[in-house]
């Protein structure tokens, strides 16, 4: 009976671990779609991959199962090439936002859902472990070089200024309008069979939301008549830590520059908070002493009655 209880408890713990791993807030979603590519190569049967994979494995799946190596590598030519490969690196969504009805940006989720379901070819990766050491754009570049070891067949690579890439030869654009102008200009100069790689990283600005950037850029590509495939992947955790570090450095620089006028006195609010914190700490200490005393008193085992002494 005891072994059965232990086995049931172990099963419940395992199920809770699996459930926590799938719904972990450290996983992010990724969506790959194209209205111009046709599925049916047999490499990936399911449209949704529920496995928890790393960001590096995601990039590899995009190049293999998504077919990007077929038109981004010069040694591989396909019958149905695309003109533009779009990459949107967002900062807002996590896996829980997609699976739950209460998400941070319902309009963004609806936009991605409409683009995903209306395409001829689509792949979804709901659970991607957020990269910790490298940013997604760096993993994308390294994955491109690994998928095309002999020669990268991308005729033009463009990144936004908010993307942190160390390659100085890559062209960078400042805003959404410059991306639209670039795509319009490339439509006139692009040769047949060439593919452009366009990467837009969200910078968290209030000028354009992620939904607006994706909708406007996709509409611009469609209006130009170019064939495209698109990838959306979220990378919010590196962005959050980066902005926190950036804010800390800015505040430190401001504090150093104006150190003469900085006030180090404790005002009334500061005194109230310090007194409150001190009272809480003292209360916790006295509470621990009281609990320890009660436990010691409860542990004393004294006899309930005493025997009368015998007369000698």
C-alpha atoms as a PDB file:
ATOM      1  CA  UNK A   1       0.000   0.000   0.000  1.00  0.00           C
ATOM      2  CA  UNK A   2       2.834   2.365   0.886  1.00  0.00           C
ATOM      3  CA  UNK A   3       4.609   1.631  -2.418  1.00  0.00           C
ATOM      4  CA  UNK A   4       1.428   2.382  -4.348  1.00  0.00           C
ATOM      5  CA  UNK A   5       1.071   5.743  -2.592  1.00  0.00           C
ATOM      6  CA  UNK A   6       4.674   6.595  -3.346  1.00  0.00           C
ATOM      7  CA  UNK A   7       4.176   5.651  -7.012  1.00  0.00           C
ATOM      8  CA  UNK A   8       1.052   7.793  -7.331  1.00  0.00           C
ATOM      9  CA  UNK A   9       2.839  10.711  -5.658  1.00  0.00           C
ATOM     10  CA  UNK A  10       5.797  10.362  -8.043  1.00  0.00           C
ATOM     11  CA  UNK A  11       3.436  10.315 -11.043  1.00  0.00           C
ATOM     12  CA  UNK A  12       1.701  13.486  -9.854  1.00  0.00           C
ATOM     13  CA  UNK A  13       5.032  15.208  -9.344  1.00  0.00           C
ATOM     14  CA  UNK A  14       6.181  14.186 -12.843  1.00  0.00           C
ATOM     15  CA  UNK A  15       2.975  15.451 -14.403  1.00  0.00           C
ATOM     16  CA  UNK A  16       3.273  18.744 -12.575  1.00  0.00           C
ATOM     17  CA  UNK A  17       6.868  19.114 -13.760  1.00  0.00           C
ATOM     18  CA  UNK A  18       5.856  18.458 -17.372  1.00  0.00           C
ATOM     19  CA  UNK A  19       2.961  20.879 -17.113  1.00  0.00           C
ATOM     20  CA  UNK A  20       5.174  23.526 -15.575  1.00  0.00           C
ATOM     21  CA  UNK A  21       7.773  23.025 -18.294  1.00  0.00           C
ATOM     22  CA  UNK A  22       5.229  23.543 -21.065  1.00  0.00           C
ATOM     23  CA  UNK A  23       3.635  26.561 -19.409  1.00  0.00           C
ATOM     24  CA  UNK A  24       6.893  28.009 -18.127  1.00  0.00           C
ATOM     25  CA  UNK A  25       7.104  31.800 -18.410  1.00  0.00           C
ATOM     26  CA  UNK A  26      10.644  31.374 -19.791  1.00  0.00           C
ATOM     27  CA  UNK A  27       9.363  29.976 -23.092  1.00  0.00           C
ATOM     28  CA  UNK A  28       8.376  32.107 -26.064  1.00  0.00           C
ATOM     29  CA  UNK A  29       6.403  31.378 -29.252  1.00  0.00           C
ATOM     30  CA  UNK A  30       7.582  31.392 -32.868  1.00  0.00           C
ATOM     31  CA  UNK A  31       5.525  31.377 -36.065  1.00  0.00           C
ATOM     32  CA  UNK A  32       6.677  30.684 -39.619  1.00  0.00           C
ATOM     33  CA  UNK A  33       4.359  31.241 -42.559  1.00  0.00           C
ATOM     34  CA  UNK A  34       4.287  31.962 -46.274  1.00  0.00           C
ATOM     35  CA  UNK A  35       1.373  32.459 -48.686  1.00  0.00           C
ATOM     36  CA  UNK A  36       3.627  31.576 -51.622  1.00  0.00           C
ATOM     37  CA  UNK A  37       5.398  28.376 -50.508  1.00  0.00           C
ATOM     38  CA  UNK A  38       3.605  25.053 -50.743  1.00  0.00           C
ATOM     39  CA  UNK A  39       3.922  22.316 -48.138  1.00  0.00           C
ATOM     40  CA  UNK A  40       4.169  18.678 -49.097  1.00  0.00           C
ATOM     41  CA  UNK A  41       7.860  17.868 -49.028  1.00  0.00           C
ATOM     42  CA  UNK A  42       7.231  15.400 -46.201  1.00  0.00           C
ATOM     43  CA  UNK A  43       9.861  16.858 -43.882  1.00  0.00           C
ATOM     44  CA  UNK A  44       7.371  17.991 -41.244  1.00  0.00           C
ATOM     45  CA  UNK A  45       3.873  16.510 -41.034  1.00  0.00           C
ATOM     46  CA  UNK A  46       2.424  18.595 -38.212  1.00  0.00           C
ATOM     47  CA  UNK A  47       1.800  22.321 -38.523  1.00  0.00           C
ATOM     48  CA  UNK A  48       2.505  22.753 -34.791  1.00  0.00           C
ATOM     49  CA  UNK A  49       5.606  21.474 -33.023  1.00  0.00           C
ATOM     50  CA  UNK A  50       4.829  21.170 -29.304  1.00  0.00           C
ATOM     51  CA  UNK A  51       8.354  20.203 -28.296  1.00  0.00           C
ATOM     52  CA  UNK A  52      10.278  22.539 -26.014  1.00  0.00           C
ATOM     53  CA  UNK A  53      13.351  23.436 -28.036  1.00  0.00           C
ATOM     54  CA  UNK A  54      16.185  25.889 -27.759  1.00  0.00           C
ATOM     55  CA  UNK A  55      16.439  29.043 -29.847  1.00  0.00           C
ATOM     56  CA  UNK A  56      19.358  27.520 -31.745  1.00  0.00           C
ATOM     57  CA  UNK A  57      17.268  24.462 -32.639  1.00  0.00           C
ATOM     58  CA  UNK A  58      14.490  26.786 -33.781  1.00  0.00           C
ATOM     59  CA  UNK A  59      16.827  28.495 -36.220  1.00  0.00           C
ATOM     60  CA  UNK A  60      17.910  25.093 -37.508  1.00  0.00           C
ATOM     61  CA  UNK A  61      14.288  24.013 -37.997  1.00  0.00           C
ATOM     62  CA  UNK A  62      13.536  27.203 -39.915  1.00  0.00           C
ATOM     63  CA  UNK A  63      16.373  26.517 -42.343  1.00  0.00           C
ATOM     64  CA  UNK A  64      15.600  22.807 -42.721  1.00  0.00           C
ATOM     65  CA  UNK A  65      11.881  22.158 -42.205  1.00  0.00           C
ATOM     66  CA  UNK A  66      10.939  25.701 -43.156  1.00  0.00           C
ATOM     67  CA  UNK A  67      12.939  25.435 -46.386  1.00  0.00           C
ATOM     68  CA  UNK A  68      14.903  28.650 -45.910  1.00  0.00           C
ATOM     69  CA  UNK A  69      18.186  26.980 -46.824  1.00  0.00           C
ATOM     70  CA  UNK A  70      16.720  26.216 -50.256  1.00  0.00           C
ATOM     71  CA  UNK A  71      16.508  29.857 -51.305  1.00  0.00           C
ATOM     72  CA  UNK A  72      19.046  31.508 -48.952  1.00  0.00           C
ATOM     73  CA  UNK A  73      21.967  29.281 -49.985  1.00  0.00           C
ATOM     74  CA  UNK A  74      23.476  29.841 -53.418  1.00  0.00           C
ATOM     75  CA  UNK A  75      24.247  26.143 -53.979  1.00  0.00           C
ATOM     76  CA  UNK A  76      20.584  25.176 -53.482  1.00  0.00           C
ATOM     77  CA  UNK A  77      18.020  26.250 -56.042  1.00  0.00           C
ATOM     78  CA  UNK A  78      14.321  25.481 -55.808  1.00  0.00           C
ATOM     79  CA  UNK A  79      11.410  25.733 -58.184  1.00  0.00           C
ATOM     80  CA  UNK A  80       9.418  28.072 -55.927  1.00  0.00           C
ATOM     81  CA  UNK A  81      11.817  30.754 -54.646  1.00  0.00           C
ATOM     82  CA  UNK A  82      10.738  33.799 -52.656  1.00  0.00           C
ATOM     83  CA  UNK A  83      11.853  37.381 -53.094  1.00  0.00           C
ATOM     84  CA  UNK A  84      11.931  38.423 -49.434  1.00  0.00           C
ATOM     85  CA  UNK A  85      12.480  36.538 -46.188  1.00  0.00           C
ATOM     86  CA  UNK A  86      11.044  38.636 -43.359  1.00  0.00           C
ATOM     87  CA  UNK A  87      12.041  38.159 -39.721  1.00  0.00           C
ATOM     88  CA  UNK A  88      10.192  39.910 -36.901  1.00  0.00           C
ATOM     89  CA  UNK A  89      11.870  39.700 -33.495  1.00  0.00           C
ATOM     90  CA  UNK A  90       9.362  40.863 -30.902  1.00  0.00           C
ATOM     91  CA  UNK A  91       9.703  41.700 -27.228  1.00  0.00           C
ATOM     92  CA  UNK A  92       6.152  41.322 -25.917  1.00  0.00           C
ATOM     93  CA  UNK A  93       4.808  37.772 -26.200  1.00  0.00           C
ATOM     94  CA  UNK A  94       5.500  34.705 -24.111  1.00  0.00           C
ATOM     95  CA  UNK A  95       4.074  31.215 -24.523  1.00  0.00           C
ATOM     96  CA  UNK A  96       1.468  31.846 -21.840  1.00  0.00           C
ATOM     97  CA  UNK A  97       0.191  34.869 -23.778  1.00  0.00           C
ATOM     98  CA  UNK A  98      -0.623  32.682 -26.782  1.00  0.00           C
ATOM     99  CA  UNK A  99      -2.184  29.799 -24.863  1.00  0.00           C
ATOM    100  CA  UNK A 100      -4.190  31.984 -22.472  1.00  0.00           C
ATOM    101  CA  UNK A 101      -7.111  34.236 -23.326  1.00  0.00           C
ATOM    102  CA  UNK A 102      -5.631  36.904 -21.065  1.00  0.00           C
ATOM    103  CA  UNK A 103      -2.533  38.046 -22.921  1.00  0.00           C
ATOM    104  CA  UNK A 104      -0.498  41.213 -22.986  1.00  0.00           C
ATOM    105  CA  UNK A 105      -1.442  42.220 -26.541  1.00  0.00           C
ATOM    106  CA  UNK A 106      -4.591  40.567 -27.972  1.00  0.00           C
ATOM    107  CA  UNK A 107      -4.353  42.540 -31.222  1.00  0.00           C
ATOM    108  CA  UNK A 108      -0.851  41.206 -31.899  1.00  0.00           C
ATOM    109  CA  UNK A 109      -1.975  37.631 -31.233  1.00  0.00           C
ATOM    110  CA  UNK A 110      -4.971  38.068 -33.554  1.00  0.00           C
ATOM    111  CA  UNK A 111      -2.799  39.539 -36.311  1.00  0.00           C
ATOM    112  CA  UNK A 112      -0.330  36.658 -36.129  1.00  0.00           C
ATOM    113  CA  UNK A 113      -3.186  34.168 -36.043  1.00  0.00           C
ATOM    114  CA  UNK A 114      -4.782  35.670 -39.184  1.00  0.00           C
ATOM    115  CA  UNK A 115      -1.496  35.676 -41.095  1.00  0.00           C
ATOM    116  CA  UNK A 116      -0.689  32.166 -39.931  1.00  0.00           C
ATOM    117  CA  UNK A 117      -4.038  30.570 -40.785  1.00  0.00           C
ATOM    118  CA  UNK A 118      -4.402  32.337 -44.152  1.00  0.00           C
ATOM    119  CA  UNK A 119      -1.056  31.068 -45.492  1.00  0.00           C
ATOM    120  CA  UNK A 120      -0.445  28.053 -47.679  1.00  0.00           C
ATOM    121  CA  UNK A 121       2.566  26.980 -45.641  1.00  0.00           C
ATOM    122  CA  UNK A 122       2.842  27.516 -41.887  1.00  0.00           C
ATOM    123  CA  UNK A 123       4.724  26.135 -38.906  1.00  0.00           C
ATOM    124  CA  UNK A 124       4.229  27.000 -35.239  1.00  0.00           C
ATOM    125  CA  UNK A 125       6.641  26.508 -32.344  1.00  0.00           C
ATOM    126  CA  UNK A 126       4.744  27.447 -29.146  1.00  0.00           C
ATOM    127  CA  UNK A 127       7.509  26.575 -26.665  1.00  0.00           C
ATOM    128  CA  UNK A 128      10.944  28.001 -27.420  1.00  0.00           C
ATOM    129  CA  UNK A 129      13.395  28.380 -24.558  1.00  0.00           C
ATOM    130  CA  UNK A 130      14.292  32.056 -24.467  1.00  0.00           C
ATOM    131  CA  UNK A 131      17.971  32.605 -25.308  1.00  0.00           C
ATOM    132  CA  UNK A 132      20.054  33.738 -22.342  1.00  0.00           C
ATOM    133  CA  UNK A 133      23.560  34.303 -23.690  1.00  0.00           C
ATOM    134  CA  UNK A 134      22.950  35.316 -27.315  1.00  0.00           C
ATOM    135  CA  UNK A 135      20.276  37.434 -28.910  1.00  0.00           C
ATOM    136  CA  UNK A 136      17.989  35.965 -31.508  1.00  0.00           C
ATOM    137  CA  UNK A 137      19.403  38.038 -34.378  1.00  0.00           C
ATOM    138  CA  UNK A 138      22.906  36.764 -33.636  1.00  0.00           C
ATOM    139  CA  UNK A 139      21.645  33.178 -33.618  1.00  0.00           C
ATOM    140  CA  UNK A 140      19.933  33.823 -36.939  1.00  0.00           C
ATOM    141  CA  UNK A 141      23.140  35.031 -38.574  1.00  0.00           C
ATOM    142  CA  UNK A 142      25.175  32.133 -37.204  1.00  0.00           C
ATOM    143  CA  UNK A 143      22.456  29.704 -38.332  1.00  0.00           C
ATOM    144  CA  UNK A 144      22.557  31.198 -41.827  1.00  0.00           C
ATOM    145  CA  UNK A 145      26.304  30.701 -42.056  1.00  0.00           C
ATOM    146  CA  UNK A 146      25.988  27.148 -40.737  1.00  0.00           C
ATOM    147  CA  UNK A 147      23.179  26.247 -43.156  1.00  0.00           C
ATOM    148  CA  UNK A 148      25.136  27.713 -46.086  1.00  0.00           C
ATOM    149  CA  UNK A 149      28.747  26.673 -45.399  1.00  0.00           C
ATOM    150  CA  UNK A 150      29.951  27.248 -48.960  1.00  0.00           C
ATOM    151  CA  UNK A 151      28.264  30.474 -49.959  1.00  0.00           C
ATOM    152  CA  UNK A 152      25.346  32.481 -48.628  1.00  0.00           C
ATOM    153  CA  UNK A 153      22.995  33.174 -51.499  1.00  0.00           C
ATOM    154  CA  UNK A 154      21.291  36.182 -49.924  1.00  0.00           C
ATOM    155  CA  UNK A 155      21.712  39.122 -52.254  1.00  0.00           C
ATOM    156  CA  UNK A 156      20.822  41.756 -49.687  1.00  0.00           C
ATOM    157  CA  UNK A 157      20.704  41.611 -45.851  1.00  0.00           C
ATOM    158  CA  UNK A 158      19.067  44.432 -43.917  1.00  0.00           C
ATOM    159  CA  UNK A 159      18.674  44.804 -40.146  1.00  0.00           C
ATOM    160  CA  UNK A 160      17.011  47.486 -38.078  1.00  0.00           C
ATOM    161  CA  UNK A 161      19.089  49.720 -35.827  1.00  0.00           C
ATOM    162  CA  UNK A 162      17.560  48.102 -32.748  1.00  0.00           C
ATOM    163  CA  UNK A 163      19.125  44.748 -33.702  1.00  0.00           C
ATOM    164  CA  UNK A 164      22.475  44.119 -32.039  1.00  0.00           C
ATOM    165  CA  UNK A 165      24.733  42.450 -34.600  1.00  0.00           C
ATOM    166  CA  UNK A 166      28.498  42.624 -34.681  1.00  0.00           C
ATOM    167  CA  UNK A 167      28.868  42.323 -38.465  1.00  0.00           C
ATOM    168  CA  UNK A 168      29.771  45.779 -39.711  1.00  0.00           C
ATOM    169  CA  UNK A 169      29.059  44.945 -43.359  1.00  0.00           C
ATOM    170  CA  UNK A 170      25.309  44.562 -42.773  1.00  0.00           C
ATOM    171  CA  UNK A 171      23.123  47.451 -43.815  1.00  0.00           C
ATOM    172  CA  UNK A 172      20.942  48.934 -41.061  1.00  0.00           C
ATOM    173  CA  UNK A 173      17.768  50.978 -41.353  1.00  0.00           C
ATOM    174  CA  UNK A 174      16.370  53.344 -38.759  1.00  0.00           C
ATOM    175  CA  UNK A 175      12.577  53.210 -38.937  1.00  0.00           C
ATOM    176  CA  UNK A 176       9.622  51.455 -40.537  1.00  0.00           C
ATOM    177  CA  UNK A 177       9.317  53.922 -43.407  1.00  0.00           C
ATOM    178  CA  UNK A 178      12.938  53.285 -44.414  1.00  0.00           C
ATOM    179  CA  UNK A 179      12.115  49.563 -44.605  1.00  0.00           C
ATOM    180  CA  UNK A 180       9.191  50.307 -46.922  1.00  0.00           C
ATOM    181  CA  UNK A 181      11.361  52.486 -49.144  1.00  0.00           C
ATOM    182  CA  UNK A 182      14.050  49.816 -49.219  1.00  0.00           C
ATOM    183  CA  UNK A 183      11.608  47.089 -50.266  1.00  0.00           C
ATOM    184  CA  UNK A 184      10.195  49.336 -52.983  1.00  0.00           C
ATOM    185  CA  UNK A 185      13.674  50.115 -54.302  1.00  0.00           C
ATOM    186  CA  UNK A 186      14.732  46.474 -54.208  1.00  0.00           C
ATOM    187  CA  UNK A 187      11.706  45.527 -56.270  1.00  0.00           C
ATOM    188  CA  UNK A 188      13.194  47.486 -59.180  1.00  0.00           C
ATOM    189  CA  UNK A 189      16.807  46.333 -58.755  1.00  0.00           C
ATOM    190  CA  UNK A 190      16.344  42.736 -57.588  1.00  0.00           C
ATOM    191  CA  UNK A 191      17.310  40.123 -60.165  1.00  0.00           C
ATOM    192  CA  UNK A 192      15.218  37.050 -60.815  1.00  0.00           C
ATOM    193  CA  UNK A 193      15.895  34.258 -58.324  1.00  0.00           C
ATOM    194  CA  UNK A 194      17.473  36.550 -55.712  1.00  0.00           C
ATOM    195  CA  UNK A 195      16.220  36.614 -52.132  1.00  0.00           C
ATOM    196  CA  UNK A 196      16.543  39.451 -49.620  1.00  0.00           C
ATOM    197  CA  UNK A 197      16.744  38.906 -45.867  1.00  0.00           C
ATOM    198  CA  UNK A 198      14.992  41.637 -43.880  1.00  0.00           C
ATOM    199  CA  UNK A 199      15.177  41.542 -40.064  1.00  0.00           C
ATOM    200  CA  UNK A 200      13.133  43.934 -37.938  1.00  0.00           C
ATOM    201  CA  UNK A 201      13.760  43.984 -34.172  1.00  0.00           C
ATOM    202  CA  UNK A 202      11.200  45.596 -31.935  1.00  0.00           C
ATOM    203  CA  UNK A 203      12.698  48.298 -29.752  1.00  0.00           C
ATOM    204  CA  UNK A 204       9.740  48.784 -27.454  1.00  0.00           C
ATOM    205  CA  UNK A 205       9.050  52.297 -28.725  1.00  0.00           C
ATOM    206  CA  UNK A 206       5.614  53.843 -28.599  1.00  0.00           C
ATOM    207  CA  UNK A 207       5.731  55.152 -32.188  1.00  0.00           C
ATOM    208  CA  UNK A 208       4.800  51.799 -33.726  1.00  0.00           C
ATOM    209  CA  UNK A 209       3.518  48.744 -31.914  1.00  0.00           C
ATOM    210  CA  UNK A 210       4.579  45.281 -32.962  1.00  0.00           C
ATOM    211  CA  UNK A 211       1.191  44.662 -34.548  1.00  0.00           C
ATOM    212  CA  UNK A 212       1.425  47.857 -36.606  1.00  0.00           C
ATOM    213  CA  UNK A 213       4.991  47.098 -37.719  1.00  0.00           C
ATOM    214  CA  UNK A 214       4.123  43.566 -38.828  1.00  0.00           C
ATOM    215  CA  UNK A 215       0.892  44.574 -40.568  1.00  0.00           C
ATOM    216  CA  UNK A 216       2.397  47.534 -42.412  1.00  0.00           C
ATOM    217  CA  UNK A 217       5.543  45.706 -43.516  1.00  0.00           C
ATOM    218  CA  UNK A 218       3.629  42.649 -44.737  1.00  0.00           C
ATOM    219  CA  UNK A 219       1.141  44.896 -46.559  1.00  0.00           C
ATOM    220  CA  UNK A 220       4.015  46.761 -48.190  1.00  0.00           C
ATOM    221  CA  UNK A 221       5.551  43.519 -49.446  1.00  0.00           C
ATOM    222  CA  UNK A 222       2.220  42.244 -50.732  1.00  0.00           C
ATOM    223  CA  UNK A 223       1.432  45.515 -52.517  1.00  0.00           C
ATOM    224  CA  UNK A 224       4.804  45.412 -54.271  1.00  0.00           C
ATOM    225  CA  UNK A 225       3.940  41.988 -55.658  1.00  0.00           C
ATOM    226  CA  UNK A 226       6.957  40.289 -54.088  1.00  0.00           C
ATOM    227  CA  UNK A 227       6.792  36.711 -52.864  1.00  0.00           C
ATOM    228  CA  UNK A 228       7.723  36.383 -49.231  1.00  0.00           C
ATOM    229  CA  UNK A 229       8.066  34.094 -46.259  1.00  0.00           C
ATOM    230  CA  UNK A 230       7.994  35.421 -42.700  1.00  0.00           C
ATOM    231  CA  UNK A 231       9.163  34.364 -39.258  1.00  0.00           C
ATOM    232  CA  UNK A 232       8.006  35.879 -35.978  1.00  0.00           C
ATOM    233  CA  UNK A 233       9.816  34.992 -32.773  1.00  0.00           C
ATOM    234  CA  UNK A 234       9.661  36.654 -29.395  1.00  0.00           C
ATOM    235  CA  UNK A 235      12.735  37.480 -27.345  1.00  0.00           C
ATOM    236  CA  UNK A 236      11.474  39.556 -24.400  1.00  0.00           C
ATOM    237  CA  UNK A 237      13.832  38.473 -21.613  1.00  0.00           C
ATOM    238  CA  UNK A 238      17.105  39.653 -23.097  1.00  0.00           C
ATOM    239  CA  UNK A 239      15.429  42.922 -24.000  1.00  0.00           C
ATOM    240  CA  UNK A 240      14.140  43.413 -20.447  1.00  0.00           C
ATOM    241  CA  UNK A 241      17.525  42.747 -18.863  1.00  0.00           C
ATOM    242  CA  UNK A 242      19.240  44.914 -21.473  1.00  0.00           C
ATOM    243  CA  UNK A 243      16.895  47.865 -20.834  1.00  0.00           C
ATOM    244  CA  UNK A 244      17.350  47.449 -17.086  1.00  0.00           C
ATOM    245  CA  UNK A 245      21.134  47.562 -17.486  1.00  0.00           C
ATOM    246  CA  UNK A 246      20.859  50.503 -19.849  1.00  0.00           C
ATOM    247  CA  UNK A 247      18.675  52.407 -17.385  1.00  0.00           C
ATOM    248  CA  UNK A 248      21.077  51.609 -14.534  1.00  0.00           C
ATOM    249  CA  UNK A 249      24.058  52.895 -16.519  1.00  0.00           C
ATOM    250  CA  UNK A 250      22.145  56.040 -17.489  1.00  0.00           C
ATOM    251  CA  UNK A 251      21.187  56.725 -13.888  1.00  0.00           C
ATOM    252  CA  UNK A 252      24.774  56.091 -12.767  1.00  0.00           C
ATOM    253  CA  UNK A 253      26.088  58.520 -15.372  1.00  0.00           C
ATOM    254  CA  UNK A 254      23.530  61.106 -14.332  1.00  0.00           C
ATOM    255  CA  UNK A 255      24.426  60.627 -10.673  1.00  0.00           C
ATOM    256  CA  UNK A 256      28.144  61.036 -11.388  1.00  0.00           C
ATOM    257  CA  UNK A 257      27.632  64.159 -13.477  1.00  0.00           C
ATOM    258  CA  UNK A 258      25.458  65.853 -10.869  1.00  0.00           C
ATOM    259  CA  UNK A 259      26.987  64.431  -7.710  1.00  0.00           C
ATOM    260  CA  UNK A 260      27.403  67.890  -6.229  1.00  0.00           C
ATOM    261  CA  UNK A 261      23.689  68.578  -6.127  1.00  0.00           C
ATOM    262  CA  UNK A 262      22.614  65.112  -5.022  1.00  0.00           C
ATOM    263  CA  UNK A 263      20.892  65.089  -1.632  1.00  0.00           C
ATOM    264  CA  UNK A 264      21.888  62.308   0.730  1.00  0.00           C
ATOM    265  CA  UNK A 265      19.567  63.294   3.609  1.00  0.00           C
ATOM    266  CA  UNK A 266      16.664  61.119   4.721  1.00  0.00           C
ATOM    267  CA  UNK A 267      13.332  62.917   4.443  1.00  0.00           C
ATOM    268  CA  UNK A 268      10.108  62.172   6.319  1.00  0.00           C
ATOM    269  CA  UNK A 269       9.096  59.389   3.937  1.00  0.00           C
ATOM    270  CA  UNK A 270      12.525  57.798   4.238  1.00  0.00           C
ATOM    271  CA  UNK A 271      12.337  57.942   8.044  1.00  0.00           C
ATOM    272  CA  UNK A 272       8.857  56.418   8.032  1.00  0.00           C
ATOM    273  CA  UNK A 273       9.952  53.539   5.815  1.00  0.00           C
ATOM    274  CA  UNK A 274      13.064  52.878   7.874  1.00  0.00           C
ATOM    275  CA  UNK A 275      11.070  52.917  11.124  1.00  0.00           C
ATOM    276  CA  UNK A 276       8.460  50.598   9.627  1.00  0.00           C
ATOM    277  CA  UNK A 277      11.109  48.172   8.404  1.00  0.00           C
ATOM    278  CA  UNK A 278      12.831  48.258  11.774  1.00  0.00           C
ATOM    279  CA  UNK A 279       9.549  47.523  13.592  1.00  0.00           C
ATOM    280  CA  UNK A 280       8.802  44.607  11.256  1.00  0.00           C
ATOM    281  CA  UNK A 281      12.236  43.063  11.837  1.00  0.00           C
ATOM    282  CA  UNK A 282      11.945  43.461  15.625  1.00  0.00           C
ATOM    283  CA  UNK A 283       8.430  41.981  15.539  1.00  0.00           C
ATOM    284  CA  UNK A 284       9.654  38.966  13.591  1.00  0.00           C
ATOM    285  CA  UNK A 285      12.424  38.377  16.153  1.00  0.00           C
ATOM    286  CA  UNK A 286       9.970  38.544  19.102  1.00  0.00           C
ATOM    287  CA  UNK A 287       7.545  36.275  17.252  1.00  0.00           C
ATOM    288  CA  UNK A 288      10.262  33.672  16.748  1.00  0.00           C
ATOM    289  CA  UNK A 289      11.160  33.878  20.445  1.00  0.00           C
ATOM    290  CA  UNK A 290       7.507  33.431  21.435  1.00  0.00           C
ATOM    291  CA  UNK A 291       7.042  30.438  19.155  1.00  0.00           C
ATOM    292  CA  UNK A 292      10.250  28.832  20.439  1.00  0.00           C
ATOM    293  CA  UNK A 293       9.140  29.346  24.072  1.00  0.00           C
ATOM    294  CA  UNK A 294       5.716  27.836  23.425  1.00  0.00           C
ATOM    295  CA  UNK A 295       7.280  24.835  21.719  1.00  0.00           C
ATOM    296  CA  UNK A 296       9.652  24.311  24.649  1.00  0.00           C
ATOM    297  CA  UNK A 297       6.828  24.567  27.162  1.00  0.00           C
ATOM    298  CA  UNK A 298       4.728  22.133  25.175  1.00  0.00           C
ATOM    299  CA  UNK A 299       7.617  19.688  25.171  1.00  0.00           C
ATOM    300  CA  UNK A 300       7.901  19.571  28.966  1.00  0.00           C
ATOM    301  CA  UNK A 301       6.433  16.276  30.203  1.00  0.00           C
ATOM    302  CA  UNK A 302       5.608  16.524  33.908  1.00  0.00           C
ATOM    303  CA  UNK A 303       3.661  13.904  35.867  1.00  0.00           C
ATOM    304  CA  UNK A 304      -0.008  14.605  36.398  1.00  0.00           C
ATOM    305  CA  UNK A 305      -0.004  13.234  39.997  1.00  0.00           C
ATOM    306  CA  UNK A 306       2.588  12.428  42.615  1.00  0.00           C
ATOM    307  CA  UNK A 307       2.704   9.380  44.818  1.00  0.00           C
ATOM    308  CA  UNK A 308       2.299   9.957  48.513  1.00  0.00           C
ATOM    309  CA  UNK A 309       5.436   9.143  50.513  1.00  0.00           C
ATOM    310  CA  UNK A 310       5.278   5.864  52.434  1.00  0.00           C
ATOM    311  CA  UNK A 311       5.504   6.077  56.199  1.00  0.00           C
ATOM    312  CA  UNK A 312       8.646   4.482  57.512  1.00  0.00           C
END
